[in-house]
Amino acid sequence: MVLKIEHHSFRGVDPFSSISKLKLVYKEINATLKSFEGSIVHQNKDALLISFRTVTNAVSCALKIKTLFRDFR
C-alpha cells in the first residue's frame, strides 16, 4: 500500500498548528499500522510504502487511515 499525503490536503489548516497536527496524524498512522500488522518499507517527505501480511489487513488499514485523516481535517 502507498500512503501519500497531498499538500492541498492542508488547505484551510492554520499553518502554526499544522505541524503539531501532522505529528499527531503520523502517530495515529503508526499505531494503526501496528494494529493491522503493517510495516513501513520506504518513506519520503510525503509518502509511505507499507507492507502487510494479508490483503485484508491492508484494505482494513487503508479504510481506518482514511477515517482518521477525514477526522483530522
Protein backbone atom coordinates (compact mmCIF):
# COMPACT_ATOMS: atom_id res chain seq x y z
CA MET A 1 0.00 0.00 0.00
CA VAL A 2 1.21 3.50 -0.75
CA LEU A 3 0.01 6.29 1.51
CA LYS A 4 0.57 9.76 0.12
CA ILE A 5 -0.30 13.00 1.89
CA GLU A 6 -1.04 15.67 -0.67
CA HIS A 7 -0.06 19.26 0.05
CA HIS A 8 -3.51 20.52 -0.92
CA SER A 9 -4.93 18.37 1.89
CA PHE A 10 -3.84 21.06 4.32
CA ARG A 11 -5.76 23.95 2.79
CA GLY A 12 -7.65 25.84 5.43
CA VAL A 13 -5.49 24.49 8.24
CA ASP A 14 -3.81 27.08 10.48
CA PRO A 15 -0.12 26.99 9.48
CA PHE A 16 1.00 27.35 13.10
CA SER A 17 -0.95 24.31 14.23
CA SER A 18 -0.44 22.16 11.13
CA ILE A 19 2.94 20.79 12.24
CA SER A 20 1.60 19.55 15.57
CA LYS A 21 -1.49 18.15 13.83
CA LEU A 22 0.69 16.40 11.25
CA LYS A 23 2.75 14.82 14.03
CA LEU A 24 -0.48 13.59 15.59
CA VAL A 25 -1.59 12.12 12.24
CA TYR A 26 1.71 10.24 11.83
CA LYS A 27 1.45 8.96 15.41
CA GLU A 28 -2.06 7.67 14.70
CA ILE A 29 -0.95 6.15 11.38
CA ASN A 30 1.90 4.27 13.09
CA ALA A 31 -0.43 2.94 15.78
CA THR A 32 -2.92 1.87 13.10
CA LEU A 33 -0.19 0.15 11.08
CA LYS A 34 0.86 -1.89 14.10
CA SER A 35 -2.71 -2.93 14.84
CA PHE A 36 -3.06 -4.29 11.26
CA GLU A 37 0.43 -5.90 11.18
CA GLY A 38 1.78 -3.33 8.73
CA SER A 39 5.34 -2.09 8.44
CA ILE A 40 6.87 0.87 6.64
CA VAL A 41 9.14 -0.31 3.82
CA HIS A 42 10.13 3.11 2.48
CA GLN A 43 9.36 6.71 3.38
CA ASN A 44 9.99 10.04 1.70
CA LYS A 45 8.77 13.54 2.51
CA ASP A 46 5.11 12.96 1.61
CA ALA A 47 4.57 9.24 1.07
CA LEU A 48 4.91 5.90 2.80
CA LEU A 49 5.29 2.47 1.20
CA ILE A 50 3.72 -0.03 3.57
CA SER A 51 3.79 -3.83 3.60
CA PHE A 52 1.15 -6.08 5.22
CA ARG A 53 0.88 -9.78 5.96
CA THR A 54 -2.50 -10.03 4.20
CA VAL A 55 -4.53 -8.09 1.66
CA THR A 56 -7.39 -7.97 4.15
CA ASN A 57 -5.16 -6.18 6.67
CA ALA A 58 -4.02 -3.72 4.00
CA VAL A 59 -7.57 -2.82 2.97
CA SER A 60 -8.81 -2.60 6.57
CA CYS A 61 -5.87 -0.39 7.50
CA ALA A 62 -6.43 1.87 4.48
CA LEU A 63 -10.07 2.37 5.47
CA LYS A 64 -9.10 3.16 9.06
CA ILE A 65 -6.43 5.66 7.97
CA LYS A 66 -8.89 7.30 5.59
CA THR A 67 -11.31 7.75 8.51
CA LEU A 68 -8.53 9.15 10.72
CA PHE A 69 -7.46 11.65 8.07
CA ARG A 70 -11.06 12.72 7.42
CA ASP A 71 -11.43 13.40 11.16
CA PHE A 72 -8.15 15.38 11.11
CA ARG A 73 -9.46 17.84 8.55
